[in-house]
């Protein structure tokens, strides 16, 4: 499984799970990714996020 923000592989333990009100489940590799998502940041504009391949 991949992080919903930075698309890195999730660790076996210690990841953050977020459930939206419509039932969607988002998983984050760290609290840094979780907080960035909640603040509405764009992952494409962050230098520490790996670039997504097409």
PDB file of N, CA and C in Angstrom:
ATOM      1  N   UNK A   1       0.833  -1.177   0.000  1.00  0.00           N
ATOM      2  CA  UNK A   1       0.000   0.000   0.000  1.00  0.00           C
ATOM      3  C   UNK A   1       0.875   1.238   0.000  1.00  0.00           C
ATOM      4  N   UNK A   2       0.341   2.323  -0.497  1.00  0.00           N
ATOM      5  CA  UNK A   2       1.080   3.573  -0.649  1.00  0.00           C
ATOM      6  C   UNK A   2       0.440   4.669   0.207  1.00  0.00           C
ATOM      7  N   UNK A   3       1.253   5.637   0.561  1.00  0.00           N
ATOM      8  CA  UNK A   3       0.796   6.817   1.290  1.00  0.00           C
ATOM      9  C   UNK A   3      -0.098   7.647   0.368  1.00  0.00           C
ATOM     10  N   UNK A   4      -1.185   8.185   0.890  1.00  0.00           N
ATOM     11  CA  UNK A   4      -2.122   8.968   0.087  1.00  0.00           C
ATOM     12  C   UNK A   4      -1.548  10.330  -0.297  1.00  0.00           C
ATOM     13  N   UNK A   5      -0.515  10.796   0.391  1.00  0.00           N
ATOM     14  CA  UNK A   5       0.057  12.110   0.094  1.00  0.00           C
ATOM     15  C   UNK A   5       1.330  12.004  -0.734  1.00  0.00           C
ATOM     16  N   UNK A   6       2.318  11.242  -0.265  1.00  0.00           N
ATOM     17  CA  UNK A   6       3.619  11.221  -0.937  1.00  0.00           C
ATOM     18  C   UNK A   6       3.851   9.978  -1.785  1.00  0.00           C
ATOM     19  N   UNK A   7       2.962   9.017  -1.749  1.00  0.00           N
ATOM     20  CA  UNK A   7       3.031   7.784  -2.542  1.00  0.00           C
ATOM     21  C   UNK A   7       4.206   6.881  -2.182  1.00  0.00           C
ATOM     22  N   UNK A   8       4.758   7.014  -0.982  1.00  0.00           N
ATOM     23  CA  UNK A   8       5.784   6.080  -0.516  1.00  0.00           C
ATOM     24  C   UNK A   8       5.098   4.833   0.026  1.00  0.00           C
ATOM     25  N   UNK A   9       5.863   3.740   0.127  1.00  0.00           N
ATOM     26  CA  UNK A   9       5.328   2.528   0.734  1.00  0.00           C
ATOM     27  C   UNK A   9       5.079   2.772   2.219  1.00  0.00           C
ATOM     28  N   UNK A  10       3.983   2.209   2.728  1.00  0.00           N
ATOM     29  CA  UNK A  10       3.650   2.369   4.137  1.00  0.00           C
ATOM     30  C   UNK A  10       4.475   1.416   4.988  1.00  0.00           C
ATOM     31  N   UNK A  11       4.896   1.854   6.181  1.00  0.00           N
ATOM     32  CA  UNK A  11       5.563   0.934   7.090  1.00  0.00           C
ATOM     33  C   UNK A  11       4.541  -0.055   7.654  1.00  0.00           C
ATOM     34  N   UNK A  12       5.026  -1.206   8.091  1.00  0.00           N
ATOM     35  CA  UNK A  12       4.103  -2.219   8.628  1.00  0.00           C
ATOM     36  C   UNK A  12       3.405  -1.722   9.888  1.00  0.00           C
ATOM     37  N   UNK A  13       4.127  -0.960  10.693  1.00  0.00           N
ATOM     38  CA  UNK A  13       3.557  -0.387  11.912  1.00  0.00           C
ATOM     39  C   UNK A  13       3.817   1.108  11.920  1.00  0.00           C
ATOM     40  N   UNK A  14       2.943   1.861  12.559  1.00  0.00           N
ATOM     41  CA  UNK A  14       3.200   3.273  12.763  1.00  0.00           C
ATOM     42  C   UNK A  14       2.643   4.199  11.708  1.00  0.00           C
ATOM     43  N   UNK A  15       1.801   3.706  10.808  1.00  0.00           N
ATOM     44  CA  UNK A  15       1.222   4.631   9.838  1.00  0.00           C
ATOM     45  C   UNK A  15      -0.079   5.213  10.386  1.00  0.00           C
ATOM     46  N   UNK A  16      -0.528   6.305   9.796  1.00  0.00           N
ATOM     47  CA  UNK A  16      -1.721   7.022  10.238  1.00  0.00           C
ATOM     48  C   UNK A  16      -2.864   6.700   9.286  1.00  0.00           C
ATOM     49  N   UNK A  17      -4.019   6.329   9.851  1.00  0.00           N
ATOM     50  CA  UNK A  17      -5.207   6.032   9.044  1.00  0.00           C
ATOM     51  C   UNK A  17      -6.225   7.131   9.271  1.00  0.00           C
ATOM     52  N   UNK A  18      -6.791   7.648   8.191  1.00  0.00           N
ATOM     53  CA  UNK A  18      -7.768   8.739   8.247  1.00  0.00           C
ATOM     54  C   UNK A  18      -9.002   8.299   7.475  1.00  0.00           C
ATOM     55  N   UNK A  19     -10.180   8.374   8.109  1.00  0.00           N
ATOM     56  CA  UNK A  19     -11.427   7.983   7.468  1.00  0.00           C
ATOM     57  C   UNK A  19     -12.260   9.234   7.237  1.00  0.00           C
ATOM     58  N   UNK A  20     -12.566   9.498   5.974  1.00  0.00           N
ATOM     59  CA  UNK A  20     -13.366  10.667   5.621  1.00  0.00           C
ATOM     60  C   UNK A  20     -14.831  10.394   5.930  1.00  0.00           C
ATOM     61  N   UNK A  21     -15.656  11.428   5.946  1.00  0.00           N
ATOM     62  CA  UNK A  21     -17.061  11.286   6.301  1.00  0.00           C
ATOM     63  C   UNK A  21     -17.849  10.479   5.269  1.00  0.00           C
ATOM     64  N   UNK A  22     -17.346  10.390   4.029  1.00  0.00           N
ATOM     65  CA  UNK A  22     -18.052   9.605   3.017  1.00  0.00           C
ATOM     66  C   UNK A  22     -17.608   8.148   3.011  1.00  0.00           C
ATOM     67  N   UNK A  23     -16.711   7.766   3.916  1.00  0.00           N
ATOM     68  CA  UNK A  23     -16.289   6.381   4.043  1.00  0.00           C
ATOM     69  C   UNK A  23     -14.962   6.056   3.383  1.00  0.00           C
ATOM     70  N   UNK A  24     -14.351   6.993   2.691  1.00  0.00           N
ATOM     71  CA  UNK A  24     -13.051   6.758   2.068  1.00  0.00           C
ATOM     72  C   UNK A  24     -11.982   6.621   3.149  1.00  0.00           C
ATOM     73  N   UNK A  25     -11.077   5.682   2.962  1.00  0.00           N
ATOM     74  CA  UNK A  25      -9.995   5.456   3.910  1.00  0.00           C
ATOM     75  C   UNK A  25      -8.688   5.907   3.273  1.00  0.00           C
ATOM     76  N   UNK A  26      -7.995   6.816   3.945  1.00  0.00           N
ATOM     77  CA  UNK A  26      -6.704   7.311   3.485  1.00  0.00           C
ATOM     78  C   UNK A  26      -5.649   6.898   4.495  1.00  0.00           C
ATOM     79  N   UNK A  27      -4.525   6.414   4.008  1.00  0.00           N
ATOM     80  CA  UNK A  27      -3.434   6.004   4.882  1.00  0.00           C
ATOM     81  C   UNK A  27      -2.211   6.850   4.574  1.00  0.00           C
ATOM     82  N   UNK A  28      -1.534   7.299   5.640  1.00  0.00           N
ATOM     83  CA  UNK A  28      -0.371   8.171   5.516  1.00  0.00           C
ATOM     84  C   UNK A  28       0.822   7.518   6.183  1.00  0.00           C
ATOM     85  N   UNK A  29       2.017   7.715   5.602  1.00  0.00           N
ATOM     86  CA  UNK A  29       3.230   7.097   6.146  1.00  0.00           C
ATOM     87  C   UNK A  29       3.717   7.797   7.409  1.00  0.00           C
ATOM     88  N   UNK A  30       3.340   9.069   7.589  1.00  0.00           N
ATOM     89  CA  UNK A  30       3.816   9.818   8.756  1.00  0.00           C
ATOM     90  C   UNK A  30       2.807  10.906   9.111  1.00  0.00           C
ATOM     91  N   UNK A  31       3.001  11.484  10.274  1.00  0.00           N
ATOM     92  CA  UNK A  31       2.133  12.583  10.684  1.00  0.00           C
ATOM     93  C   UNK A  31       2.417  13.821   9.833  1.00  0.00           C
ATOM     94  N   UNK A  32       3.630  13.929   9.289  1.00  0.00           N
ATOM     95  CA  UNK A  32       3.977  15.036   8.405  1.00  0.00           C
ATOM     96  C   UNK A  32       3.088  15.020   7.161  1.00  0.00           C
ATOM     97  N   UNK A  33       2.896  13.861   6.562  1.00  0.00           N
ATOM     98  CA  UNK A  33       2.034  13.734   5.383  1.00  0.00           C
ATOM     99  C   UNK A  33       0.571  13.970   5.756  1.00  0.00           C
ATOM    100  N   UNK A  34       0.162  13.464   6.906  1.00  0.00           N
ATOM    101  CA  UNK A  34      -1.220  13.630   7.357  1.00  0.00           C
ATOM    102  C   UNK A  34      -1.555  15.098   7.577  1.00  0.00           C
ATOM    103  N   UNK A  35      -0.689  15.817   8.277  1.00  0.00           N
ATOM    104  CA  UNK A  35      -0.922  17.231   8.555  1.00  0.00           C
ATOM    105  C   UNK A  35      -0.891  18.066   7.280  1.00  0.00           C
ATOM    106  N   UNK A  36       0.006  17.713   6.360  1.00  0.00           N
ATOM    107  CA  UNK A  36       0.081  18.435   5.089  1.00  0.00           C
ATOM    108  C   UNK A  36      -1.203  18.247   4.283  1.00  0.00           C
ATOM    109  N   UNK A  37      -1.756  17.042   4.312  1.00  0.00           N
ATOM    110  CA  UNK A  37      -3.017  16.769   3.623  1.00  0.00           C
ATOM    111  C   UNK A  37      -4.157  17.575   4.231  1.00  0.00           C
ATOM    112  N   UNK A  38      -4.223  17.614   5.553  1.00  0.00           N
ATOM    113  CA  UNK A  38      -5.301  18.339   6.230  1.00  0.00           C
ATOM    114  C   UNK A  38      -5.211  19.845   5.991  1.00  0.00           C
ATOM    115  N   UNK A  39      -3.983  20.365   5.800  1.00  0.00           N
ATOM    116  CA  UNK A  39      -3.814  21.791   5.524  1.00  0.00           C
ATOM    117  C   UNK A  39      -4.082  22.128   4.068  1.00  0.00           C
ATOM    118  N   UNK A  40      -4.299  21.118   3.231  1.00  0.00           N
ATOM    119  CA  UNK A  40      -4.624  21.363   1.837  1.00  0.00           C
ATOM    120  C   UNK A  40      -3.424  21.620   0.948  1.00  0.00           C
ATOM    121  N   UNK A  41      -2.258  21.187   1.375  1.00  0.00           N
ATOM    122  CA  UNK A  41      -1.054  21.399   0.571  1.00  0.00           C
ATOM    123  C   UNK A  41      -1.058  20.497  -0.655  1.00  0.00           C
ATOM    124  N   UNK A  42      -0.411  20.963  -1.701  1.00  0.00           N
ATOM    125  CA  UNK A  42      -0.305  20.217  -2.943  1.00  0.00           C
ATOM    126  C   UNK A  42       1.001  19.414  -2.915  1.00  0.00           C
ATOM    127  N   UNK A  43       0.930  18.080  -3.000  1.00  0.00           N
ATOM    128  CA  UNK A  43       2.164  17.288  -2.920  1.00  0.00           C
ATOM    129  C   UNK A  43       3.136  17.558  -4.060  1.00  0.00           C
ATOM    130  N   UNK A  44       2.660  18.023  -5.193  1.00  0.00           N
ATOM    131  CA  UNK A  44       3.551  18.302  -6.320  1.00  0.00           C
ATOM    132  C   UNK A  44       4.446  19.500  -6.057  1.00  0.00           C
ATOM    133  N   UNK A  45       4.093  20.349  -5.100  1.00  0.00           N
ATOM    134  CA  UNK A  45       4.880  21.551  -4.810  1.00  0.00           C
ATOM    135  C   UNK A  45       5.863  21.343  -3.654  1.00  0.00           C
ATOM    136  N   UNK A  46       5.888  20.173  -3.062  1.00  0.00           N
ATOM    137  CA  UNK A  46       6.794  19.880  -1.950  1.00  0.00           C
ATOM    138  C   UNK A  46       8.029  19.157  -2.453  1.00  0.00           C
ATOM    139  N   UNK A  47       9.204  19.635  -2.042  1.00  0.00           N
ATOM    140  CA  UNK A  47      10.453  19.053  -2.518  1.00  0.00           C
ATOM    141  C   UNK A  47      10.703  17.666  -1.935  1.00  0.00           C
ATOM    142  N   UNK A  48      10.212  17.375  -0.733  1.00  0.00           N
ATOM    143  CA  UNK A  48      10.484  16.102  -0.096  1.00  0.00           C
ATOM    144  C   UNK A  48       9.584  14.982  -0.600  1.00  0.00           C
ATOM    145  N   UNK A  49       8.574  15.310  -1.388  1.00  0.00           N
ATOM    146  CA  UNK A  49       7.696  14.282  -1.948  1.00  0.00           C
ATOM    147  C   UNK A  49       8.341  13.756  -3.226  1.00  0.00           C
ATOM    148  N   UNK A  50       8.386  12.429  -3.347  1.00  0.00           N
ATOM    149  CA  UNK A  50       8.971  11.846  -4.540  1.00  0.00           C
ATOM    150  C   UNK A  50       8.098  12.130  -5.751  1.00  0.00           C
ATOM    151  N   UNK A  51       8.734  12.309  -6.891  1.00  0.00           N
ATOM    152  CA  UNK A  51       7.975  12.600  -8.110  1.00  0.00           C
ATOM    153  C   UNK A  51       7.285  11.332  -8.584  1.00  0.00           C
ATOM    154  N   UNK A  52       6.033  11.483  -8.991  1.00  0.00           N
ATOM    155  CA  UNK A  52       5.252  10.342  -9.451  1.00  0.00           C
ATOM    156  C   UNK A  52       5.564  10.055 -10.907  1.00  0.00           C
ATOM    157  N   UNK A  53       5.793   8.779 -11.204  1.00  0.00           N
ATOM    158  CA  UNK A  53       6.060   8.366 -12.568  1.00  0.00           C
ATOM    159  C   UNK A  53       4.758   8.078 -13.287  1.00  0.00           C
ATOM    160  N   UNK A  54       4.753   8.346 -14.588  1.00  0.00           N
ATOM    161  CA  UNK A  54       3.540   8.075 -15.370  1.00  0.00           C
ATOM    162  C   UNK A  54       3.641   6.739 -16.064  1.00  0.00           C
TER     163      UNK A  54
END
